[in-house]
C-alpha atoms as a PDB file:
ATOM      1  CA  MET A   1       0.000   0.000   0.000  1.00  0.00           C
ATOM      2  CA  GLU A   2       1.292   3.439  -0.913  1.00  0.00           C
ATOM      3  CA  HIS A   3       1.932   5.740   2.054  1.00  0.00           C
ATOM      4  CA  LYS A   4       0.408   9.205   1.777  1.00  0.00           C
ATOM      5  CA  LYS A   5       1.052  12.059   4.158  1.00  0.00           C
ATOM      6  CA  GLU A   6      -2.038  13.356   5.950  1.00  0.00           C
ATOM      7  CA  ILE A   7      -2.196  16.848   7.387  1.00  0.00           C
ATOM      8  CA  PHE A   8      -4.719  17.920  10.022  1.00  0.00           C
ATOM      9  CA  ALA A   9      -5.753  21.556  10.389  1.00  0.00           C
ATOM     10  CA  ASP A  10      -8.434  23.198  12.513  1.00  0.00           C
ATOM     11  CA  GLY A  11      -8.756  25.850   9.821  1.00  0.00           C
ATOM     12  CA  ILE A  12      -7.061  28.338   7.552  1.00  0.00           C
ATOM     13  CA  GLY A  13      -5.447  31.232   9.368  1.00  0.00           C
ATOM     14  CA  GLN A  14      -4.769  33.312   6.280  1.00  0.00           C
ATOM     15  CA  ILE A  15      -4.880  33.134   2.496  1.00  0.00           C
ATOM     16  CA  HIS A  16      -2.683  35.600   0.676  1.00  0.00           C
ATOM     17  CA  PHE A  17      -1.131  36.255  -2.724  1.00  0.00           C
ATOM     18  CA  ALA A  18       2.612  36.903  -2.870  1.00  0.00           C
ATOM     19  CA  GLY A  19       5.316  36.271  -5.430  1.00  0.00           C
ATOM     20  CA  GLY A  20       2.738  35.260  -8.024  1.00  0.00           C
ATOM     21  CA  MET A  21       1.474  32.388  -5.860  1.00  0.00           C
ATOM     22  CA  VAL A  22      -1.546  31.802  -3.614  1.00  0.00           C
ATOM     23  CA  ARG A  23      -0.518  30.821  -0.083  1.00  0.00           C
ATOM     24  CA  PHE A  24      -2.724  29.080   2.481  1.00  0.00           C
ATOM     25  CA  ASP A  25      -1.546  29.146   6.111  1.00  0.00           C
ATOM     26  CA  PHE A  26      -3.170  26.222   7.935  1.00  0.00           C
ATOM     27  CA  VAL A  27      -3.555  26.427  11.721  1.00  0.00           C
ATOM     28  CA  THR A  28      -4.128  24.094  14.621  1.00  0.00           C
ATOM     29  CA  LEU A  29      -5.599  25.221  17.931  1.00  0.00           C
ATOM     30  CA  GLN A  30      -3.101  24.976  20.775  1.00  0.00           C
ATOM     31  CA  PRO A  31      -4.231  24.989  24.420  1.00  0.00           C
ATOM     32  CA  ASN A  32      -3.215  27.792  26.752  1.00  0.00           C
ATOM     33  CA  GLU A  33      -1.838  27.070  30.194  1.00  0.00           C
ATOM     34  CA  ASN A  34      -4.135  29.583  31.888  1.00  0.00           C
ATOM     35  CA  GLY A  35      -7.314  27.940  30.571  1.00  0.00           C
ATOM     36  CA  ALA A  36      -8.058  30.691  28.054  1.00  0.00           C
ATOM     37  CA  ALA A  37      -9.392  29.935  24.600  1.00  0.00           C
ATOM     38  CA  PRO A  38      -6.983  27.951  22.416  1.00  0.00           C
ATOM     39  CA  THR A  39      -4.553  29.907  20.259  1.00  0.00           C
ATOM     40  CA  PRO A  40      -4.404  29.261  16.492  1.00  0.00           C
ATOM     41  CA  VAL A  41      -0.827  28.438  15.462  1.00  0.00           C
ATOM     42  CA  VAL A  42       0.317  28.185  11.824  1.00  0.00           C
ATOM     43  CA  ASN A  43       1.788  24.738  11.244  1.00  0.00           C
ATOM     44  CA  GLU A  44       1.635  24.175   7.469  1.00  0.00           C
ATOM     45  CA  ARG A  45       1.648  26.327   4.346  1.00  0.00           C
ATOM     46  CA  ILE A  46       0.377  25.232   0.948  1.00  0.00           C
ATOM     47  CA  ILE A  47       1.555  27.276  -2.030  1.00  0.00           C
ATOM     48  CA  MET A  48      -0.013  26.966  -5.477  1.00  0.00           C
ATOM     49  CA  PRO A  49      -0.223  28.892  -8.735  1.00  0.00           C
ATOM     50  CA  PRO A  50      -3.387  30.930  -9.356  1.00  0.00           C
ATOM     51  CA  GLN A  51      -4.716  28.353 -11.854  1.00  0.00           C
ATOM     52  CA  GLY A  52      -4.313  25.596  -9.252  1.00  0.00           C
ATOM     53  CA  PHE A  53      -6.098  27.789  -6.699  1.00  0.00           C
ATOM     54  CA  LEU A  54      -9.001  28.285  -9.116  1.00  0.00           C
ATOM     55  CA  GLY A  55      -9.265  24.528  -9.688  1.00  0.00           C
ATOM     56  CA  ALA A  56      -9.212  23.897  -5.923  1.00  0.00           C
ATOM     57  CA  PHE A  57     -11.866  26.574  -5.368  1.00  0.00           C
ATOM     58  CA  ASN A  58     -14.135  25.002  -7.998  1.00  0.00           C
ATOM     59  CA  SER A  59     -13.695  21.550  -6.424  1.00  0.00           C
ATOM     60  CA  MET A  60     -14.535  22.939  -2.971  1.00  0.00           C
ATOM     61  CA  GLN A  61     -17.620  24.728  -4.323  1.00  0.00           C
ATOM     62  CA  GLN A  62     -18.857  21.469  -5.879  1.00  0.00           C
ATOM     63  CA  LEU A  63     -18.362  19.667  -2.554  1.00  0.00           C
ATOM     64  CA  ILE A  64     -20.166  22.454  -0.662  1.00  0.00           C
ATOM     65  CA  ASP A  65     -23.114  22.109  -3.045  1.00  0.00           C
ATOM     66  CA  LYS A  66     -23.238  18.333  -2.419  1.00  0.00           C
ATOM     67  CA  LEU A  67     -23.026  18.802   1.369  1.00  0.00           C
ATOM     68  CA  LEU A  68     -25.851  21.370   1.256  1.00  0.00           C
ATOM     69  CA  GLU A  69     -27.968  18.999  -0.825  1.00  0.00           C
ATOM     70  CA  ALA A  70     -27.299  16.142   1.621  1.00  0.00           C
ATOM     71  CA  GLY A  71     -28.214  18.328   4.610  1.00  0.00           C
ATOM     72  CA  VAL A  72     -24.736  18.097   6.150  1.00  0.00           C
ATOM     73  CA  LEU A  73     -24.386  21.883   5.835  1.00  0.00           C
ATOM     74  CA  GLN A  74     -27.034  24.570   6.002  1.00  0.00           C
ATOM     75  CA  LYS A  75     -26.917  27.974   4.345  1.00  0.00           C
ATOM     76  CA  ASN A  76     -26.445  30.786   6.834  1.00  0.00           C
ATOM     77  CA  GLU A  77     -29.173  33.210   5.808  1.00  0.00           C
ATOM     78  CA  GLN A  78     -28.446  36.448   7.672  1.00  0.00           C
ATOM     79  CA  ALA A  79     -31.426  38.237   9.204  1.00  0.00           C
ATOM     80  CA  LYS A  80     -32.305  41.495   7.476  1.00  0.00           C
END
């Protein structure tokens, strides 16, 4: 069986564009000694060209649509 690296992230801390590339900073939540809310700490960065970013965005949008259709996610309709 082929070994593949898995990366866990609690979320994306920042997405920015620099040097002609899109950069995602992935964070994990680290506990604080004093019991305060966990602190997000950048632990991985993914860098891709703009065309790769667009492909990833389209793939994520398709998955979001499927999750909405399946009821896993719900649209957040803001009150007017």
